[in-house]
Amino acid sequence: MSYRVELGGLALAKMKGFPDEALTALVARTAYLVREPWDAHVVDPSRTDLRQTTFGDGVGIMWFRVDEAAELITIYDLVWAG
């Protein structure tokens, strides 16, 4: 199974300021998540669909929602500290 990915408005806005290194790392991690969306930390135990993971050797963090029925990952926030 392979999930689709959408970027929420906040994530998309933050991505515009990312350096090439961050974008490359984000794409690589996202490409992995479309096959393994549950390979990330649960943000809230009462909402297992909300996840958090790192990218770029831990310099970036992304928060996303997994909609299993729609096979959709929605990235709603990003941080790059590099």
Protein backbone atom coordinates (compact mmCIF):
# COMPACT_ATOMS: atom_id res chain seq x y z
CA MET A 1 0.00 0.00 0.00
CA SER A 2 1.21 3.50 -0.77
CA TYR A 3 -0.25 6.64 0.77
CA ARG A 4 -0.73 10.00 -0.93
CA VAL A 5 0.76 13.09 0.70
CA GLU A 6 -0.71 16.56 1.11
CA LEU A 7 0.90 19.61 2.68
CA GLY A 8 -1.18 21.77 4.97
CA GLY A 9 -0.98 25.55 4.63
CA LEU A 10 1.39 26.08 7.57
CA ALA A 11 3.76 23.33 6.42
CA LEU A 12 3.74 24.64 2.86
CA ALA A 13 4.45 28.20 4.02
CA LYS A 14 7.38 27.09 6.20
CA MET A 15 8.84 24.93 3.42
CA LYS A 16 9.30 27.99 1.22
CA GLY A 17 12.13 29.16 3.47
CA PHE A 18 13.92 25.81 3.71
CA PRO A 19 17.41 25.37 2.22
CA ASP A 20 17.95 22.70 -0.43
CA GLU A 21 19.41 20.32 2.16
CA ALA A 22 16.19 20.47 4.18
CA LEU A 23 13.96 19.94 1.15
CA THR A 24 16.00 16.94 0.02
CA ALA A 25 15.81 15.39 3.50
CA LEU A 26 12.08 16.13 3.77
CA VAL A 27 11.36 14.48 0.43
CA ALA A 28 13.44 11.42 1.37
CA ARG A 29 11.66 10.95 4.71
CA THR A 30 8.25 11.54 3.14
CA ALA A 31 9.00 8.99 0.40
CA TYR A 32 9.64 6.44 3.13
CA LEU A 33 6.48 7.38 5.05
CA VAL A 34 4.19 6.79 2.06
CA ARG A 35 5.07 3.10 2.45
CA GLU A 36 5.41 3.03 6.27
CA PRO A 37 3.24 5.84 7.71
CA TRP A 38 3.19 4.31 11.19
CA ASP A 39 6.99 4.53 11.52
CA ALA A 40 6.75 7.70 13.59
CA HIS A 41 5.98 8.75 17.16
CA VAL A 42 2.40 9.22 18.33
CA VAL A 43 1.82 12.86 19.31
CA ASP A 44 -1.21 12.19 21.54
CA PRO A 45 -2.08 8.68 22.81
CA SER A 46 -5.79 9.41 22.35
CA ARG A 47 -5.16 10.33 18.67
CA THR A 48 -2.91 7.68 17.14
CA ASP A 49 -3.46 9.23 13.71
CA LEU A 50 -1.36 12.26 14.73
CA ARG A 51 2.33 11.54 14.31
CA GLN A 52 5.73 13.22 14.58
CA THR A 53 9.03 12.24 13.01
CA THR A 54 12.43 13.69 12.29
CA PHE A 55 14.22 14.16 8.99
CA GLY A 56 17.65 15.35 7.94
CA ASP A 57 19.59 13.46 10.64
CA GLY A 58 17.26 14.84 13.31
CA VAL A 59 17.66 18.49 12.35
CA GLY A 60 14.09 18.70 11.03
CA ILE A 61 10.78 17.70 12.59
CA MET A 62 7.49 17.10 10.82
CA TRP A 63 4.02 16.60 12.25
CA PHE A 64 1.43 14.79 10.21
CA ARG A 65 -1.94 13.05 10.28
CA VAL A 66 -2.52 9.58 8.84
CA ASP A 67 -5.95 8.91 7.35
CA GLU A 68 -5.88 5.17 6.91
CA ALA A 69 -9.25 4.95 5.13
CA ALA A 70 -8.26 7.55 2.52
CA GLU A 71 -4.63 6.33 2.43
CA LEU A 72 -3.58 9.94 2.97
CA ILE A 73 -0.79 11.59 4.95
CA THR A 74 -1.33 15.28 5.67
CA ILE A 75 1.80 17.11 6.81
CA TYR A 76 0.54 20.00 8.91
CA ASP A 77 3.70 21.48 10.46
CA LEU A 78 7.46 21.48 9.92
CA VAL A 79 10.56 22.81 11.66
CA TRP A 80 14.11 22.95 10.31
CA ALA A 81 16.82 23.88 12.80
CA GLY A 82 19.82 23.36 10.52
